[in-house]
Structures are given as C-alpha cells and as structure tokens.
Amino acid sequence: MLDQEDTENSVQSGIRSLVFRLYDRAVDLIILGVIPLMLIALVFAFAEAIIGTTHMIPLLHSITPDDTVSPDEVALRMLVARVLDVVILIELFNTFMEYARTRHIRLSNLLDVTIVFALRETLIKLYAQNFSSTDLLALCVVVIVLVIARSVATRFSREREPQKQPVKK
C-alpha cells in the first residue's frame, strides 16, 4: 500500500517537473523571438526621430512673424514626442531584458517606465502649451506619487542587503 502511494507521488512529481520544464522552454523560445522584434521596433522609432529631424531642418527657414503657430514649432513638438517615445521604448526594453536574464521583474523598473511615460505626457502638454491647470496638476501629482512609490520600492527591495552596524569595542 505504501509503495503504491510512493509510486503515485513519484509519477505526479515527474509530470509536474516535465510541465515546468516545458513551460520554461516555451518562455525561453518566446523571449528569443521577441528580442529581435524589440530591437527592430527600437531601430524604427529611432529612425523616425532622425527622419523627423531632417524634415524639420528646411522648415526652420520658413518662419514668418505673422503666423500664430509656425511649421517649425509643430515639427519640433512632434520631434520631442518622438524622442520621448524612444526613451520610453528603451525603458520598456530594459525591463523586458531584465526579465529575460533573471525571470524576475522588479517593481522599481516598472515604476521607472511609468514615471518616464508620465513625464513624457507632462512635457508634451507643457511644450504644446495646450493644457489646463488641473491636467498639469494631476500629472505632477501622479509623477510625485510614482517617485515616492519607487523610493519605497527601492528601500524595501528584496535584493537590497541590510546594512550592518559596526561593532563597537
């Protein structure tokens, strides 16, 4: 009777081990497939920022004093948004690459991406001069809360070593 239970437990643990190994292999294959896609997306985002910059250069000479919004302002706003998009992509890819290396996503990395995204929105609204005071205040509060949350996450991180107090003699 006892041998039969041991055999059943052994079979169950063997099946469980096989399922976990298959899952790990599947995740590894997916990660290997996604990494080149991420690099391609980053290259395209960077190329879009470069192309936007080259298209903006001829517009710098077409400034007329009677225009309320000159073409170069619009192009520059779009360029700022594209560059900030590249920064957000880099942060997202860093988070993904850390997961690919360690199979663990740190909360501070996710908060970094969210902070960069909130700052992007704030800067775009400020630069476009198209915002209400409540929108701007709300975005600033979100950024402050996220920074505080990141500080707390860093302070209480599992990877952080507790500081040892020097022994007094």
N, C-alpha and C. Protein backbone atom coordinates (compact mmCIF):
# COMPACT_ATOMS: atom_id res chain seq x y z
N MET A 1 0.82 -1.19 0.00
CA MET A 1 0.00 0.00 0.00
C MET A 1 0.87 1.25 0.00
N LEU A 2 1.88 1.25 0.83
CA LEU A 2 2.77 2.40 0.93
C LEU A 2 3.58 2.59 -0.34
N ASP A 3 3.98 1.47 -0.96
CA ASP A 3 4.74 1.55 -2.21
C ASP A 3 3.90 2.14 -3.33
N GLN A 4 2.61 1.83 -3.35
CA GLN A 4 1.73 2.35 -4.39
C GLN A 4 1.59 3.87 -4.24
N GLU A 5 1.46 4.38 -3.02
CA GLU A 5 1.37 5.82 -2.79
C GLU A 5 2.66 6.51 -3.19
N ASP A 6 3.80 5.90 -2.86
CA ASP A 6 5.09 6.47 -3.25
C ASP A 6 5.22 6.53 -4.77
N THR A 7 4.74 5.48 -5.44
CA THR A 7 4.80 5.44 -6.91
C THR A 7 3.92 6.53 -7.50
N GLU A 8 2.70 6.72 -6.95
CA GLU A 8 1.80 7.76 -7.44
C GLU A 8 2.41 9.14 -7.22
N ASN A 9 2.98 9.38 -6.05
CA ASN A 9 3.62 10.67 -5.77
C ASN A 9 4.80 10.90 -6.70
N SER A 10 5.55 9.84 -6.98
CA SER A 10 6.70 9.95 -7.87
C SER A 10 6.26 10.30 -9.29
N VAL A 11 5.18 9.66 -9.75
CA VAL A 11 4.65 9.94 -11.09
C VAL A 11 4.14 11.37 -11.16
N GLN A 12 3.42 11.81 -10.12
CA GLN A 12 2.89 13.18 -10.10
C GLN A 12 4.01 14.20 -10.10
N SER A 13 5.04 13.97 -9.31
CA SER A 13 6.15 14.93 -9.28
C SER A 13 6.92 14.91 -10.60
N GLY A 14 7.00 13.74 -11.25
CA GLY A 14 7.65 13.66 -12.56
C GLY A 14 6.87 14.43 -13.61
N ILE A 15 5.54 14.30 -13.59
CA ILE A 15 4.69 15.03 -14.53
C ILE A 15 4.80 16.53 -14.26
N ARG A 16 4.75 16.91 -13.00
CA ARG A 16 4.87 18.31 -12.63
C ARG A 16 6.20 18.88 -13.11
N SER A 17 7.28 18.13 -12.91
CA SER A 17 8.60 18.56 -13.35
C SER A 17 8.65 18.72 -14.86
N LEU A 18 8.04 17.79 -15.58
CA LEU A 18 8.01 17.87 -17.04
C LEU A 18 7.23 19.09 -17.52
N VAL A 19 6.09 19.36 -16.89
CA VAL A 19 5.28 20.53 -17.26
C VAL A 19 6.07 21.82 -17.01
N PHE A 20 6.75 21.91 -15.88
CA PHE A 20 7.54 23.11 -15.59
C PHE A 20 8.68 23.29 -16.57
N ARG A 21 9.33 22.18 -16.94
CA ARG A 21 10.43 22.26 -17.92
C ARG A 21 9.90 22.71 -19.27
N LEU A 22 8.74 22.17 -19.70
CA LEU A 22 8.14 22.58 -20.97
C LEU A 22 7.76 24.06 -20.94
N TYR A 23 7.21 24.49 -19.83
CA TYR A 23 6.86 25.91 -19.69
C TYR A 23 8.11 26.78 -19.80
N ASP A 24 9.17 26.41 -19.09
CA ASP A 24 10.41 27.19 -19.15
C ASP A 24 10.97 27.24 -20.56
N ARG A 25 10.94 26.14 -21.27
CA ARG A 25 11.44 26.11 -22.66
C ARG A 25 10.57 27.00 -23.55
N ALA A 26 9.25 26.93 -23.37
CA ALA A 26 8.35 27.75 -24.19
C ALA A 26 8.60 29.24 -23.95
N VAL A 27 8.77 29.61 -22.69
CA VAL A 27 9.05 31.02 -22.37
C VAL A 27 10.39 31.44 -22.96
N ASP A 28 11.40 30.57 -22.88
CA ASP A 28 12.70 30.89 -23.47
C ASP A 28 12.58 31.11 -24.98
N LEU A 29 11.83 30.26 -25.66
CA LEU A 29 11.65 30.42 -27.11
C LEU A 29 10.92 31.71 -27.45
N ILE A 30 9.91 32.04 -26.67
CA ILE A 30 9.17 33.28 -26.91
C ILE A 30 10.07 34.48 -26.69
N ILE A 31 10.86 34.46 -25.63
CA ILE A 31 11.78 35.56 -25.36
C ILE A 31 12.79 35.71 -26.49
N LEU A 32 13.32 34.59 -26.97
CA LEU A 32 14.27 34.64 -28.08
C LEU A 32 13.62 35.21 -29.35
N GLY A 33 12.33 35.00 -29.52
CA GLY A 33 11.63 35.56 -30.67
C GLY A 33 11.29 37.02 -30.51
N VAL A 34 11.02 37.44 -29.28
CA VAL A 34 10.59 38.82 -29.04
C VAL A 34 11.78 39.79 -29.06
N ILE A 35 12.95 39.35 -28.63
CA ILE A 35 14.11 40.24 -28.55
C ILE A 35 14.43 40.87 -29.91
N PRO A 36 14.51 40.10 -31.00
CA PRO A 36 14.77 40.76 -32.29
C PRO A 36 13.65 41.73 -32.69
N LEU A 37 12.40 41.38 -32.38
CA LEU A 37 11.30 42.28 -32.68
C LEU A 37 11.43 43.59 -31.92
N MET A 38 11.85 43.51 -30.66
CA MET A 38 12.05 44.72 -29.87
C MET A 38 13.15 45.58 -30.47
N LEU A 39 14.23 44.95 -30.89
CA LEU A 39 15.33 45.71 -31.49
C LEU A 39 14.89 46.38 -32.78
N ILE A 40 14.10 45.69 -33.58
CA ILE A 40 13.59 46.27 -34.83
C ILE A 40 12.68 47.46 -34.52
N ALA A 41 11.80 47.31 -33.53
CA ALA A 41 10.91 48.42 -33.15
C ALA A 41 11.71 49.62 -32.66
N LEU A 42 12.76 49.37 -31.90
CA LEU A 42 13.60 50.46 -31.40
C LEU A 42 14.33 51.15 -32.55
N VAL A 43 14.83 50.37 -33.50
CA VAL A 43 15.52 50.96 -34.66
C VAL A 43 14.55 51.82 -35.46
N PHE A 44 13.32 51.33 -35.67
CA PHE A 44 12.34 52.11 -36.42
C PHE A 44 11.95 53.39 -35.68
N ALA A 45 11.80 53.32 -34.38
CA ALA A 45 11.46 54.52 -33.60
C ALA A 45 12.60 55.53 -33.67
N PHE A 46 13.83 55.06 -33.58
CA PHE A 46 14.99 55.95 -33.69
C PHE A 46 15.08 56.54 -35.09
N ALA A 47 14.85 55.72 -36.11
CA ALA A 47 14.88 56.21 -37.49
C ALA A 47 13.79 57.25 -37.72
N GLU A 48 12.63 57.05 -37.13
CA GLU A 48 11.55 58.03 -37.26
C GLU A 48 11.95 59.37 -36.63
N ALA A 49 12.64 59.32 -35.50
CA ALA A 49 13.11 60.56 -34.87
C ALA A 49 14.16 61.24 -35.76
N ILE A 50 15.05 60.47 -36.36
CA ILE A 50 16.07 61.04 -37.25
C ILE A 50 15.42 61.64 -38.49
N ILE A 51 14.49 60.92 -39.09
CA ILE A 51 13.80 61.43 -40.28
C ILE A 51 13.02 62.69 -39.94
N GLY A 52 12.37 62.71 -38.78
CA GLY A 52 11.65 63.91 -38.35
C GLY A 52 12.58 65.09 -38.19
N THR A 53 13.78 64.84 -37.70
CA THR A 53 14.76 65.92 -37.54
C THR A 53 15.19 66.45 -38.91
N THR A 54 15.46 65.56 -39.84
CA THR A 54 15.89 66.02 -41.17
C THR A 54 14.78 66.76 -41.90
N HIS A 55 13.53 66.36 -41.69
CA HIS A 55 12.41 67.08 -42.31
C HIS A 55 12.17 68.43 -41.64
N MET A 56 12.58 68.57 -40.40
CA MET A 56 12.37 69.82 -39.68
C MET A 56 13.37 70.89 -40.11
N ILE A 57 14.56 70.52 -40.53
CA ILE A 57 15.61 71.49 -40.86
C ILE A 57 15.17 72.47 -41.94
N PRO A 58 14.56 72.05 -43.05
CA PRO A 58 14.13 73.05 -44.04
C PRO A 58 13.03 73.98 -43.53
N LEU A 59 12.25 73.52 -42.56
CA LEU A 59 11.16 74.36 -42.04
C LEU A 59 11.68 75.50 -41.18
N LEU A 60 12.91 75.41 -40.72
CA LEU A 60 13.45 76.47 -39.87
C LEU A 60 13.56 77.79 -40.62
N HIS A 61 13.68 77.74 -41.94
CA HIS A 61 13.82 78.96 -42.73
C HIS A 61 12.49 79.54 -43.14
N SER A 62 11.40 78.84 -42.90
CA SER A 62 10.09 79.32 -43.35
C SER A 62 9.30 79.99 -42.23
N ILE A 63 9.99 80.59 -41.29
CA ILE A 63 9.32 81.25 -40.17
C ILE A 63 8.83 82.62 -40.63
N THR A 64 7.56 82.90 -40.43
CA THR A 64 7.02 84.22 -40.72
C THR A 64 6.48 84.81 -39.43
N PRO A 65 6.68 86.10 -39.21
CA PRO A 65 6.27 86.69 -37.93
C PRO A 65 4.77 86.73 -37.71
N ASP A 66 3.95 86.68 -38.77
CA ASP A 66 2.51 86.79 -38.57
C ASP A 66 1.83 85.45 -38.32
N ASP A 67 2.55 84.34 -38.42
CA ASP A 67 1.96 83.03 -38.12
C ASP A 67 1.78 82.87 -36.62
N THR A 68 0.62 82.34 -36.23
CA THR A 68 0.42 82.08 -34.80
C THR A 68 1.19 80.85 -34.37
N VAL A 69 1.18 79.83 -35.21
CA VAL A 69 1.96 78.63 -34.95
C VAL A 69 2.75 78.34 -36.21
N SER A 70 4.05 78.47 -36.11
CA SER A 70 4.88 78.26 -37.29
C SER A 70 5.07 76.76 -37.54
N PRO A 71 5.37 76.39 -38.78
CA PRO A 71 5.56 74.97 -39.09
C PRO A 71 6.70 74.33 -38.30
N ASP A 72 7.71 75.13 -37.98
CA ASP A 72 8.82 74.55 -37.23
C ASP A 72 8.43 74.21 -35.80
N GLU A 73 7.49 74.97 -35.23
CA GLU A 73 7.02 74.65 -33.88
C GLU A 73 6.30 73.31 -33.87
N VAL A 74 5.45 73.10 -34.85
CA VAL A 74 4.72 71.84 -34.94
C VAL A 74 5.69 70.68 -35.14
N ALA A 75 6.66 70.87 -36.04
CA ALA A 75 7.64 69.82 -36.30
C ALA A 75 8.49 69.55 -35.06
N LEU A 76 8.86 70.60 -34.35
CA LEU A 76 9.68 70.43 -33.15
C LEU A 76 8.89 69.72 -32.05
N ARG A 77 7.63 70.04 -31.92
CA ARG A 77 6.79 69.34 -30.94
C ARG A 77 6.70 67.85 -31.26
N MET A 78 6.53 67.56 -32.54
CA MET A 78 6.47 66.15 -32.95
C MET A 78 7.80 65.46 -32.71
N LEU A 79 8.90 66.17 -32.94
CA LEU A 79 10.22 65.60 -32.70
C LEU A 79 10.42 65.29 -31.23
N VAL A 80 10.02 66.22 -30.37
CA VAL A 80 10.14 66.00 -28.92
C VAL A 80 9.33 64.76 -28.52
N ALA A 81 8.12 64.65 -29.04
CA ALA A 81 7.28 63.48 -28.73
C ALA A 81 7.94 62.19 -29.21
N ARG A 82 8.54 62.21 -30.39
CA ARG A 82 9.19 61.00 -30.93
C ARG A 82 10.41 60.62 -30.10
N VAL A 83 11.21 61.60 -29.71
CA VAL A 83 12.39 61.30 -28.90
C VAL A 83 11.97 60.73 -27.55
N LEU A 84 10.94 61.31 -26.95
CA LEU A 84 10.45 60.79 -25.68
C LEU A 84 9.86 59.38 -25.84
N ASP A 85 9.25 59.11 -26.99
CA ASP A 85 8.77 57.75 -27.27
C ASP A 85 9.93 56.76 -27.31
N VAL A 86 11.05 57.17 -27.91
CA VAL A 86 12.23 56.30 -27.96
C VAL A 86 12.72 56.01 -26.54
N VAL A 87 12.73 57.04 -25.69
CA VAL A 87 13.17 56.84 -24.30
C VAL A 87 12.26 55.85 -23.58
N ILE A 88 10.96 55.97 -23.80
CA ILE A 88 10.01 55.04 -23.18
C ILE A 88 10.24 53.62 -23.69
N LEU A 89 10.46 53.48 -24.99
CA LEU A 89 10.74 52.14 -25.54
C LEU A 89 12.00 51.55 -24.93
N ILE A 90 13.02 52.37 -24.76
CA ILE A 90 14.27 51.88 -24.16
C ILE A 90 14.01 51.39 -22.74
N GLU A 91 13.24 52.14 -21.96
CA GLU A 91 12.92 51.72 -20.60
C GLU A 91 12.11 50.42 -20.59
N LEU A 92 11.13 50.32 -21.49
CA LEU A 92 10.35 49.08 -21.57
C LEU A 92 11.23 47.89 -21.95
N PHE A 93 12.13 48.11 -22.89
CA PHE A 93 13.00 47.02 -23.33
C PHE A 93 13.98 46.64 -22.23
N ASN A 94 14.45 47.61 -21.46
CA ASN A 94 15.32 47.28 -20.33
C ASN A 94 14.59 46.39 -19.33
N THR A 95 13.33 46.71 -19.07
CA THR A 95 12.54 45.89 -18.15
C THR A 95 12.37 44.48 -18.71
N PHE A 96 12.09 44.37 -20.00
CA PHE A 96 11.92 43.05 -20.61
C PHE A 96 13.23 42.27 -20.60
N MET A 97 14.33 42.94 -20.90
CA MET A 97 15.63 42.26 -20.92
C MET A 97 16.01 41.77 -19.53
N GLU A 98 15.68 42.55 -18.51
CA GLU A 98 15.95 42.09 -17.14
C GLU A 98 15.13 40.83 -16.85
N TYR A 99 13.89 40.81 -17.31
CA TYR A 99 13.09 39.61 -17.12
C TYR A 99 13.70 38.43 -17.88
N ALA A 100 14.19 38.69 -19.08
CA ALA A 100 14.80 37.61 -19.87
C ALA A 100 16.04 37.06 -19.18
N ARG A 101 16.79 37.91 -18.49
CA ARG A 101 18.01 37.46 -17.80
C ARG A 101 17.71 36.77 -16.48
N THR A 102 16.78 37.33 -15.71
CA THR A 102 16.60 36.88 -14.33
C THR A 102 15.27 36.18 -14.07
N ARG A 103 14.34 36.26 -15.01
CA ARG A 103 12.98 35.74 -14.82
C ARG A 103 12.29 36.41 -13.63
N HIS A 104 12.61 37.68 -13.46
CA HIS A 104 12.02 38.44 -12.36
C HIS A 104 11.92 39.90 -12.80
N ILE A 105 10.78 40.52 -12.57
CA ILE A 105 10.61 41.93 -12.89
C ILE A 105 10.56 42.69 -11.58
N ARG A 106 11.47 43.64 -11.44
CA ARG A 106 11.48 44.45 -10.23
C ARG A 106 10.43 45.55 -10.34
N LEU A 107 9.77 45.81 -9.25
CA LEU A 107 8.75 46.84 -9.21
C LEU A 107 9.35 48.20 -9.55
N SER A 108 10.57 48.44 -9.12
CA SER A 108 11.20 49.74 -9.40
C SER A 108 11.37 49.96 -10.90
N ASN A 109 11.63 48.90 -11.66
CA ASN A 109 11.76 49.06 -13.12
C ASN A 109 10.42 49.43 -13.75
N LEU A 110 9.35 48.79 -13.31
CA LEU A 110 8.03 49.14 -13.84
C LEU A 110 7.66 50.57 -13.47
N LEU A 111 8.01 50.97 -12.27
CA LEU A 111 7.74 52.35 -11.86
C LEU A 111 8.58 53.33 -12.67
N ASP A 112 9.81 52.96 -13.01
CA ASP A 112 10.64 53.82 -13.86
C ASP A 112 9.96 54.07 -15.20
N VAL A 113 9.45 53.02 -15.82
CA VAL A 113 8.77 53.16 -17.11
C VAL A 113 7.55 54.07 -16.97
N THR A 114 6.79 53.87 -15.91
CA THR A 114 5.59 54.67 -15.70
C THR A 114 5.94 56.12 -15.43
N ILE A 115 7.01 56.37 -14.69
CA ILE A 115 7.45 57.74 -14.42
C ILE A 115 7.87 58.41 -15.72
N VAL A 116 8.64 57.71 -16.53
CA VAL A 116 9.08 58.29 -17.81
C VAL A 116 7.86 58.60 -18.69
N PHE A 117 6.88 57.70 -18.71
CA PHE A 117 5.68 57.95 -19.51
C PHE A 117 4.91 59.16 -18.99
N ALA A 118 4.75 59.27 -17.68
CA ALA A 118 4.03 60.42 -17.11
C ALA A 118 4.79 61.72 -17.37
N LEU A 119 6.12 61.67 -17.27
CA LEU A 119 6.92 62.86 -17.58
C LEU A 119 6.80 63.22 -19.06
N ARG A 120 6.74 62.22 -19.92
CA ARG A 120 6.56 62.48 -21.35
C ARG A 120 5.27 63.25 -21.58
N GLU A 121 4.18 62.76 -20.99
CA GLU A 121 2.89 63.44 -21.17
C GLU A 121 2.94 64.86 -20.62
N THR A 122 3.58 65.05 -19.48
CA THR A 122 3.70 66.38 -18.89
C THR A 122 4.49 67.31 -19.81
N LEU A 123 5.62 66.84 -20.29
CA LEU A 123 6.45 67.68 -21.16
C LEU A 123 5.75 68.00 -22.47
N ILE A 124 5.05 67.05 -23.04
CA ILE A 124 4.34 67.32 -24.29
C ILE A 124 3.25 68.35 -24.07
N LYS A 125 2.51 68.23 -22.98
CA LYS A 125 1.46 69.22 -22.70
C LYS A 125 2.06 70.60 -22.44
N LEU A 126 3.16 70.65 -21.70
CA LEU A 126 3.81 71.94 -21.44
C LEU A 126 4.36 72.55 -22.72
N TYR A 127 5.02 71.74 -23.52
CA TYR A 127 5.65 72.24 -24.72
C TYR A 127 4.62 72.69 -25.75
N ALA A 128 3.49 72.00 -25.84
CA ALA A 128 2.43 72.36 -26.78
C ALA A 128 1.62 73.55 -26.28
N GLN A 129 1.82 73.91 -25.03
CA GLN A 129 1.05 74.99 -24.39
C GLN A 129 -0.44 74.75 -24.56
N ASN A 130 -0.82 73.51 -24.42
CA ASN A 130 -2.19 73.09 -24.59
C ASN A 130 -2.60 72.27 -23.38
N PHE A 131 -2.80 72.94 -22.26
CA PHE A 131 -3.12 72.21 -21.04
C PHE A 131 -3.96 73.09 -20.14
N SER A 132 -4.70 72.44 -19.28
CA SER A 132 -5.40 73.16 -18.23
C SER A 132 -4.60 72.98 -16.95
N SER A 133 -4.83 73.86 -16.02
CA SER A 133 -4.07 73.78 -14.77
C SER A 133 -4.40 72.50 -14.01
N THR A 134 -5.64 72.03 -14.11
CA THR A 134 -5.99 70.79 -13.41
C THR A 134 -5.29 69.57 -14.03
N ASP A 135 -5.21 69.55 -15.37
CA ASP A 135 -4.49 68.45 -16.04
C ASP A 135 -3.03 68.44 -15.63
N LEU A 136 -2.41 69.60 -15.65
CA LEU A 136 -1.00 69.69 -15.30
C LEU A 136 -0.77 69.32 -13.84
N LEU A 137 -1.64 69.79 -12.97
CA LEU A 137 -1.53 69.46 -11.55
C LEU A 137 -1.71 67.95 -11.33
N ALA A 138 -2.67 67.36 -12.03
CA ALA A 138 -2.90 65.92 -11.89
C ALA A 138 -1.68 65.13 -12.35
N LEU A 139 -1.10 65.50 -13.48
CA LEU A 139 0.09 64.79 -13.97
C LEU A 139 1.26 64.95 -13.01
N CYS A 140 1.42 66.15 -12.45
CA CYS A 140 2.52 66.37 -11.50
C CYS A 140 2.31 65.54 -10.23
N VAL A 141 1.08 65.45 -9.76
CA VAL A 141 0.79 64.63 -8.58
C VAL A 141 1.07 63.16 -8.88
N VAL A 142 0.69 62.70 -10.07
CA VAL A 142 0.97 61.32 -10.46
C VAL A 142 2.47 61.06 -10.45
N VAL A 143 3.25 61.98 -11.01
CA VAL A 143 4.71 61.81 -11.04
C VAL A 143 5.27 61.77 -9.62
N ILE A 144 4.80 62.67 -8.76
CA ILE A 144 5.30 62.70 -7.38
C ILE A 144 4.96 61.40 -6.66
N VAL A 145 3.74 60.91 -6.82
CA VAL A 145 3.34 59.66 -6.17
C VAL A 145 4.17 58.49 -6.70
N LEU A 146 4.41 58.47 -8.01
CA LEU A 146 5.22 57.40 -8.59
C LEU A 146 6.66 57.44 -8.09
N VAL A 147 7.22 58.63 -7.96
CA VAL A 147 8.59 58.76 -7.45
C VAL A 147 8.66 58.29 -6.00
N ILE A 148 7.66 58.66 -5.21
CA ILE A 148 7.62 58.19 -3.81
C ILE A 148 7.49 56.67 -3.78
N ALA A 149 6.62 56.12 -4.62
CA ALA A 149 6.45 54.66 -4.67
C ALA A 149 7.75 53.98 -5.08
N ARG A 150 8.47 54.58 -6.02
CA ARG A 150 9.74 54.00 -6.44
C ARG A 150 10.76 54.04 -5.31
N SER A 151 10.78 55.14 -4.57
CA SER A 151 11.70 55.24 -3.43
C SER A 151 11.38 54.18 -2.38
N VAL A 152 10.11 53.99 -2.12
CA VAL A 152 9.70 52.97 -1.15
C VAL A 152 10.05 51.58 -1.68
N ALA A 153 9.81 51.34 -2.96
CA ALA A 153 10.13 50.02 -3.54
C ALA A 153 11.62 49.75 -3.48
N THR A 154 12.42 50.77 -3.72
CA THR A 154 13.88 50.60 -3.65
C THR A 154 14.32 50.38 -2.21
N ARG A 155 13.72 51.09 -1.30
CA ARG A 155 14.10 50.98 0.11
C ARG A 155 13.81 49.58 0.66
N PHE A 156 12.69 49.01 0.26
CA PHE A 156 12.28 47.72 0.80
C PHE A 156 12.45 46.58 -0.20
N SER A 157 13.37 46.73 -1.12
CA SER A 157 13.63 45.71 -2.13
C SER A 157 14.21 44.46 -1.49
N ARG A 158 13.85 43.29 -2.03
CA ARG A 158 14.40 42.03 -1.52
C ARG A 158 15.88 41.91 -1.82
N GLU A 159 16.33 42.55 -2.90
CA GLU A 159 17.73 42.42 -3.31
C GLU A 159 18.66 43.32 -2.51
N ARG A 160 18.08 44.25 -1.78
CA ARG A 160 18.90 45.18 -1.02
C ARG A 160 19.40 44.49 0.24
N GLU A 161 20.68 44.58 0.46
CA GLU A 161 21.28 43.97 1.64
C GLU A 161 21.02 44.84 2.86
N PRO A 162 20.65 44.26 3.98
CA PRO A 162 20.51 45.07 5.19
C PRO A 162 21.87 45.60 5.61
N GLN A 163 21.87 46.86 6.00
CA GLN A 163 23.14 47.47 6.39
C GLN A 163 23.56 46.94 7.75
N LYS A 164 24.81 46.55 7.82
CA LYS A 164 25.34 46.02 9.08
C LYS A 164 25.88 47.17 9.91
N GLN A 165 25.55 47.13 11.17
CA GLN A 165 26.04 48.13 12.09
C GLN A 165 27.45 47.75 12.52
N PRO A 166 28.36 48.71 12.56
CA PRO A 166 29.71 48.38 13.02
C PRO A 166 29.69 47.98 14.49
N VAL A 167 30.52 47.01 14.80
CA VAL A 167 30.61 46.53 16.18
C VAL A 167 31.51 47.47 16.96
N LYS A 168 30.97 47.98 18.07
CA LYS A 168 31.77 48.88 18.91
C LYS A 168 32.54 48.05 19.92
N LYS A 169 33.79 48.42 20.09
CA LYS A 169 34.63 47.69 21.04
C LYS A 169 34.87 48.52 22.27
